[in-house]
Amino acid sequence: GIHRQILLATLGCFVGYQLVKRAEYVHAKVDRELFEYIRHHPVDFNSSAEKKRIGQLLEDFHPIR
């Protein structure tokens, strides 16, 4: 009856909360590792180069027909 629905809803909320918490932990761990790599290798991520506009990055469009 209703007690099973309440039990399963509570269980679903708990499991969902734990899954979200685990996903946030994994993403935070990856971010921390990437930022640490960037901090130790600043030459690989030199942002002083001339910035390109989006039109310079994309190829010219030539329609087929």
PDB file of N, CA and C in Angstrom:
ATOM      1  N   GLY A   1       0.792  -1.182   0.000  1.00  0.00           N
ATOM      2  CA  GLY A   1       0.000   0.000   0.000  1.00  0.00           C
ATOM      3  C   GLY A   1       0.849   1.266   0.000  1.00  0.00           C
ATOM      4  N   ILE A   2       0.320   2.222   0.707  1.00  0.00           N
ATOM      5  CA  ILE A   2       0.925   3.564   0.726  1.00  0.00           C
ATOM      6  C   ILE A   2       2.277   3.557   1.425  1.00  0.00           C
ATOM      7  N   HIS A   3       2.461   2.656   2.414  1.00  0.00           N
ATOM      8  CA  HIS A   3       3.738   2.630   3.125  1.00  0.00           C
ATOM      9  C   HIS A   3       4.884   2.226   2.199  1.00  0.00           C
ATOM     10  N   ARG A   4       4.621   1.350   1.215  1.00  0.00           N
ATOM     11  CA  ARG A   4       5.657   0.978   0.256  1.00  0.00           C
ATOM     12  C   ARG A   4       6.017   2.154  -0.644  1.00  0.00           C
ATOM     13  N   GLN A   5       5.018   2.910  -1.060  1.00  0.00           N
ATOM     14  CA  GLN A   5       5.291   4.070  -1.913  1.00  0.00           C
ATOM     15  C   GLN A   5       6.123   5.103  -1.169  1.00  0.00           C
ATOM     16  N   ILE A   6       5.803   5.332   0.089  1.00  0.00           N
ATOM     17  CA  ILE A   6       6.583   6.289   0.886  1.00  0.00           C
ATOM     18  C   ILE A   6       8.004   5.766   1.081  1.00  0.00           C
ATOM     19  N   LEU A   7       8.143   4.471   1.357  1.00  0.00           N
ATOM     20  CA  LEU A   7       9.463   3.878   1.534  1.00  0.00           C
ATOM     21  C   LEU A   7      10.286   3.983   0.255  1.00  0.00           C
ATOM     22  N   LEU A   8       9.710   3.653  -0.888  1.00  0.00           N
ATOM     23  CA  LEU A   8      10.442   3.703  -2.144  1.00  0.00           C
ATOM     24  C   LEU A   8      10.768   5.145  -2.553  1.00  0.00           C
ATOM     25  N   ALA A   9       9.867   6.078  -2.276  1.00  0.00           N
ATOM     26  CA  ALA A   9      10.153   7.486  -2.571  1.00  0.00           C
ATOM     27  C   ALA A   9      11.308   7.980  -1.712  1.00  0.00           C
ATOM     28  N   THR A  10      11.325   7.619  -0.444  1.00  0.00           N
ATOM     29  CA  THR A  10      12.410   8.004   0.448  1.00  0.00           C
ATOM     30  C   THR A  10      13.727   7.367  -0.006  1.00  0.00           C
ATOM     31  N   LEU A  11      13.669   6.106  -0.370  1.00  0.00           N
ATOM     32  CA  LEU A  11      14.856   5.410  -0.850  1.00  0.00           C
ATOM     33  C   LEU A  11      15.362   6.042  -2.148  1.00  0.00           C
ATOM     34  N   GLY A  12      14.456   6.398  -3.052  1.00  0.00           N
ATOM     35  CA  GLY A  12      14.841   7.041  -4.305  1.00  0.00           C
ATOM     36  C   GLY A  12      15.495   8.387  -4.069  1.00  0.00           C
ATOM     37  N   CYS A  13      14.952   9.171  -3.144  1.00  0.00           N
ATOM     38  CA  CYS A  13      15.558  10.475  -2.823  1.00  0.00           C
ATOM     39  C   CYS A  13      16.960  10.290  -2.250  1.00  0.00           C
ATOM     40  N   PHE A  14      17.121   9.311  -1.375  1.00  0.00           N
ATOM     41  CA  PHE A  14      18.425   9.067  -0.769  1.00  0.00           C
ATOM     42  C   PHE A  14      19.444   8.631  -1.814  1.00  0.00           C
ATOM     43  N   VAL A  15      19.080   7.691  -2.660  1.00  0.00           N
ATOM     44  CA  VAL A  15      19.995   7.200  -3.687  1.00  0.00           C
ATOM     45  C   VAL A  15      20.321   8.315  -4.676  1.00  0.00           C
ATOM     46  N   GLY A  16      19.317   9.097  -5.078  1.00  0.00           N
ATOM     47  CA  GLY A  16      19.557  10.211  -5.991  1.00  0.00           C
ATOM     48  C   GLY A  16      20.497  11.236  -5.387  1.00  0.00           C
ATOM     49  N   TYR A  17      20.307  11.545  -4.104  1.00  0.00           N
ATOM     50  CA  TYR A  17      21.188  12.501  -3.424  1.00  0.00           C
ATOM     51  C   TYR A  17      22.630  11.995  -3.418  1.00  0.00           C
ATOM     52  N   GLN A  18      22.813  10.707  -3.124  1.00  0.00           N
ATOM     53  CA  GLN A  18      24.155  10.142  -3.090  1.00  0.00           C
ATOM     54  C   GLN A  18      24.795  10.141  -4.474  1.00  0.00           C
ATOM     55  N   LEU A  19      24.019   9.874  -5.520  1.00  0.00           N
ATOM     56  CA  LEU A  19      24.557   9.888  -6.877  1.00  0.00           C
ATOM     57  C   LEU A  19      24.974  11.295  -7.300  1.00  0.00           C
ATOM     58  N   VAL A  20      24.171  12.293  -6.965  1.00  0.00           N
ATOM     59  CA  VAL A  20      24.516  13.677  -7.295  1.00  0.00           C
ATOM     60  C   VAL A  20      25.767  14.102  -6.541  1.00  0.00           C
ATOM     61  N   LYS A  21      25.839  13.720  -5.267  1.00  0.00           N
ATOM     62  CA  LYS A  21      27.014  14.056  -4.463  1.00  0.00           C
ATOM     63  C   LYS A  21      28.275  13.412  -5.038  1.00  0.00           C
ATOM     64  N   ARG A  22      28.179  12.174  -5.476  1.00  0.00           N
ATOM     65  CA  ARG A  22      29.325  11.471  -6.071  1.00  0.00           C
ATOM     66  C   ARG A  22      29.745  12.124  -7.389  1.00  0.00           C
ATOM     67  N   ALA A  23      28.775  12.502  -8.219  1.00  0.00           N
ATOM     68  CA  ALA A  23      29.087  13.141  -9.502  1.00  0.00           C
ATOM     69  C   ALA A  23      29.773  14.487  -9.278  1.00  0.00           C
ATOM     70  N   GLU A  24      29.292  15.267  -8.313  1.00  0.00           N
ATOM     71  CA  GLU A  24      29.928  16.551  -8.017  1.00  0.00           C
ATOM     72  C   GLU A  24      31.354  16.353  -7.514  1.00  0.00           C
ATOM     73  N   TYR A  25      31.582  15.311  -6.717  1.00  0.00           N
ATOM     74  CA  TYR A  25      32.932  15.019  -6.229  1.00  0.00           C
ATOM     75  C   TYR A  25      33.863  14.667  -7.381  1.00  0.00           C
ATOM     76  N   VAL A  26      33.396  13.826  -8.300  1.00  0.00           N
ATOM     77  CA  VAL A  26      34.231  13.417  -9.430  1.00  0.00           C
ATOM     78  C   VAL A  26      34.567  14.624 -10.302  1.00  0.00           C
ATOM     79  N   HIS A  27      33.574  15.488 -10.575  1.00  0.00           N
ATOM     80  CA  HIS A  27      33.830  16.670 -11.395  1.00  0.00           C
ATOM     81  C   HIS A  27      34.783  17.643 -10.696  1.00  0.00           C
ATOM     82  N   ALA A  28      34.637  17.800  -9.386  1.00  0.00           N
ATOM     83  CA  ALA A  28      35.544  18.676  -8.645  1.00  0.00           C
ATOM     84  C   ALA A  28      36.970  18.132  -8.664  1.00  0.00           C
ATOM     85  N   LYS A  29      37.107  16.806  -8.571  1.00  0.00           N
ATOM     86  CA  LYS A  29      38.432  16.190  -8.608  1.00  0.00           C
ATOM     87  C   LYS A  29      39.094  16.417  -9.965  1.00  0.00           C
ATOM     88  N   VAL A  30      38.354  16.256 -11.047  1.00  0.00           N
ATOM     89  CA  VAL A  30      38.898  16.479 -12.393  1.00  0.00           C
ATOM     90  C   VAL A  30      39.286  17.948 -12.559  1.00  0.00           C
ATOM     91  N   ASP A  31      38.423  18.869 -12.109  1.00  0.00           N
ATOM     92  CA  ASP A  31      38.741  20.295 -12.199  1.00  0.00           C
ATOM     93  C   ASP A  31      40.013  20.626 -11.435  1.00  0.00           C
ATOM     94  N   ARG A  32      40.142  20.075 -10.233  1.00  0.00           N
ATOM     95  CA  ARG A  32      41.329  20.338  -9.419  1.00  0.00           C
ATOM     96  C   ARG A  32      42.589  19.842 -10.117  1.00  0.00           C
ATOM     97  N   GLU A  33      42.528  18.654 -10.720  1.00  0.00           N
ATOM     98  CA  GLU A  33      43.696  18.113 -11.424  1.00  0.00           C
ATOM     99  C   GLU A  33      44.040  18.956 -12.653  1.00  0.00           C
ATOM    100  N   LEU A  34      43.022  19.401 -13.401  1.00  0.00           N
ATOM    101  CA  LEU A  34      43.288  20.219 -14.585  1.00  0.00           C
ATOM    102  C   LEU A  34      43.886  21.567 -14.212  1.00  0.00           C
ATOM    103  N   PHE A  35      43.340  22.217 -13.186  1.00  0.00           N
ATOM    104  CA  PHE A  35      43.878  23.516 -12.771  1.00  0.00           C
ATOM    105  C   PHE A  35      45.297  23.380 -12.240  1.00  0.00           C
ATOM    106  N   GLU A  36      45.576  22.269 -11.566  1.00  0.00           N
ATOM    107  CA  GLU A  36      46.934  22.038 -11.075  1.00  0.00           C
ATOM    108  C   GLU A  36      47.889  21.846 -12.246  1.00  0.00           C
ATOM    109  N   TYR A  37      47.460  21.130 -13.275  1.00  0.00           N
ATOM    110  CA  TYR A  37      48.290  20.943 -14.464  1.00  0.00           C
ATOM    111  C   TYR A  37      48.538  22.279 -15.163  1.00  0.00           C
ATOM    112  N   ILE A  38      47.506  23.088 -15.276  1.00  0.00           N
ATOM    113  CA  ILE A  38      47.650  24.403 -15.911  1.00  0.00           C
ATOM    114  C   ILE A  38      48.607  25.271 -15.099  1.00  0.00           C
ATOM    115  N   ARG A  39      48.521  25.181 -13.780  1.00  0.00           N
ATOM    116  CA  ARG A  39      49.404  25.984 -12.925  1.00  0.00           C
ATOM    117  C   ARG A  39      50.862  25.563 -13.079  1.00  0.00           C
ATOM    118  N   HIS A  40      51.117  24.278 -13.271  1.00  0.00           N
ATOM    119  CA  HIS A  40      52.489  23.787 -13.402  1.00  0.00           C
ATOM    120  C   HIS A  40      53.042  23.905 -14.820  1.00  0.00           C
ATOM    121  N   HIS A  41      52.179  24.079 -15.820  1.00  0.00           N
ATOM    122  CA  HIS A  41      52.615  24.171 -17.215  1.00  0.00           C
ATOM    123  C   HIS A  41      52.025  25.418 -17.873  1.00  0.00           C
ATOM    124  N   PRO A  42      52.414  26.603 -17.435  1.00  0.00           N
ATOM    125  CA  PRO A  42      51.811  27.829 -17.984  1.00  0.00           C
ATOM    126  C   PRO A  42      52.194  28.081 -19.446  1.00  0.00           C
ATOM    127  N   VAL A  43      53.310  27.527 -19.909  1.00  0.00           N
ATOM    128  CA  VAL A  43      53.747  27.756 -21.290  1.00  0.00           C
ATOM    129  C   VAL A  43      52.769  27.119 -22.274  1.00  0.00           C
ATOM    130  N   ASP A  44      52.207  25.971 -21.902  1.00  0.00           N
ATOM    131  CA  ASP A  44      51.265  25.281 -22.775  1.00  0.00           C
ATOM    132  C   ASP A  44      49.950  26.052 -22.942  1.00  0.00           C
ATOM    133  N   PHE A  45      49.658  26.949 -22.024  1.00  0.00           N
ATOM    134  CA  PHE A  45      48.397  27.675 -22.031  1.00  0.00           C
ATOM    135  C   PHE A  45      48.643  29.170 -22.111  1.00  0.00           C
ATOM    136  N   ASN A  46      49.501  29.576 -23.033  1.00  0.00           N
ATOM    137  CA  ASN A  46      49.864  30.974 -23.185  1.00  0.00           C
ATOM    138  C   ASN A  46      48.682  31.739 -23.780  1.00  0.00           C
ATOM    139  N   SER A  47      48.110  32.656 -23.028  1.00  0.00           N
ATOM    140  CA  SER A  47      46.946  33.404 -23.502  1.00  0.00           C
ATOM    141  C   SER A  47      47.328  34.780 -24.048  1.00  0.00           C
ATOM    142  N   SER A  48      48.631  35.081 -24.104  1.00  0.00           N
ATOM    143  CA  SER A  48      49.046  36.388 -24.599  1.00  0.00           C
ATOM    144  C   SER A  48      49.071  36.435 -26.126  1.00  0.00           C
ATOM    145  N   ALA A  49      48.819  35.320 -26.775  1.00  0.00           N
ATOM    146  CA  ALA A  49      48.802  35.294 -28.236  1.00  0.00           C
ATOM    147  C   ALA A  49      47.623  36.126 -28.749  1.00  0.00           C
ATOM    148  N   GLU A  50      47.716  36.535 -29.996  1.00  0.00           N
ATOM    149  CA  GLU A  50      46.663  37.349 -30.586  1.00  0.00           C
ATOM    150  C   GLU A  50      45.353  36.570 -30.607  1.00  0.00           C
ATOM    151  N   LYS A  51      44.303  37.180 -30.105  1.00  0.00           N
ATOM    152  CA  LYS A  51      43.010  36.515 -30.063  1.00  0.00           C
ATOM    153  C   LYS A  51      42.354  36.582 -31.432  1.00  0.00           C
ATOM    154  N   LYS A  52      41.794  35.461 -31.861  1.00  0.00           N
ATOM    155  CA  LYS A  52      41.148  35.397 -33.157  1.00  0.00           C
ATOM    156  C   LYS A  52      39.652  35.591 -32.995  1.00  0.00           C
ATOM    157  N   ARG A  53      39.050  36.154 -33.986  1.00  0.00           N
ATOM    158  CA  ARG A  53      37.603  36.310 -33.991  1.00  0.00           C
ATOM    159  C   ARG A  53      36.982  35.028 -34.521  1.00  0.00           C
ATOM    160  N   ILE A  54      35.711  34.854 -34.279  1.00  0.00           N
ATOM    161  CA  ILE A  54      35.040  33.620 -34.679  1.00  0.00           C
ATOM    162  C   ILE A  54      35.049  33.467 -36.201  1.00  0.00           C
ATOM    163  N   GLY A  55      35.001  34.558 -36.944  1.00  0.00           N
ATOM    164  CA  GLY A  55      35.036  34.489 -38.397  1.00  0.00           C
ATOM    165  C   GLY A  55      36.370  33.983 -38.928  1.00  0.00           C
ATOM    166  N   GLN A  56      37.436  34.193 -38.181  1.00  0.00           N
ATOM    167  CA  GLN A  56      38.741  33.706 -38.599  1.00  0.00           C
ATOM    168  C   GLN A  56      38.904  32.210 -38.300  1.00  0.00           C
ATOM    169  N   LEU A  57      38.159  31.700 -37.348  1.00  0.00           N
ATOM    170  CA  LEU A  57      38.268  30.294 -36.984  1.00  0.00           C
ATOM    171  C   LEU A  57      37.451  29.389 -37.905  1.00  0.00           C
ATOM    172  N   LEU A  58      36.305  29.886 -38.389  1.00  0.00           N
ATOM    173  CA  LEU A  58      35.427  29.075 -39.221  1.00  0.00           C
ATOM    174  C   LEU A  58      35.827  29.155 -40.681  1.00  0.00           C
ATOM    175  N   GLU A  59      35.554  28.078 -41.405  1.00  0.00           N
ATOM    176  CA  GLU A  59      35.832  28.068 -42.835  1.00  0.00           C
ATOM    177  C   GLU A  59      34.733  28.828 -43.565  1.00  0.00           C
ATOM    178  N   ASP A  60      35.055  29.323 -44.763  1.00  0.00           N
ATOM    179  CA  ASP A  60      34.061  30.025 -45.565  1.00  0.00           C
ATOM    180  C   ASP A  60      32.997  29.036 -46.021  1.00  0.00           C
ATOM    181  N   PHE A  61      31.751  29.510 -46.077  1.00  0.00           N
ATOM    182  CA  PHE A  61      30.639  28.659 -46.487  1.00  0.00           C
ATOM    183  C   PHE A  61      30.449  28.773 -47.988  1.00  0.00           C
ATOM    184  N   HIS A  62      30.464  27.620 -48.649  1.00  0.00           N
ATOM    185  CA  HIS A  62      30.216  27.559 -50.092  1.00  0.00           C
ATOM    186  C   HIS A  62      29.070  26.594 -50.334  1.00  0.00           C
ATOM    187  N   PRO A  63      27.905  27.101 -50.699  1.00  0.00           N
ATOM    188  CA  PRO A  63      26.763  26.197 -50.904  1.00  0.00           C
ATOM    189  C   PRO A  63      27.002  25.277 -52.095  1.00  0.00           C
ATOM    190  N   ILE A  64      26.469  24.078 -52.017  1.00  0.00           N
ATOM    191  CA  ILE A  64      26.665  23.076 -53.068  1.00  0.00           C
ATOM    192  C   ILE A  64      25.842  23.415 -54.299  1.00  0.00           C
ATOM    193  N   ARG A  65      24.643  23.919 -54.137  1.00  0.00           N
ATOM    194  CA  ARG A  65      23.775  24.206 -55.274  1.00  0.00           C
ATOM    195  C   ARG A  65      23.984  25.594 -55.792  1.00  0.00           C
TER     196      ARG A  65
END
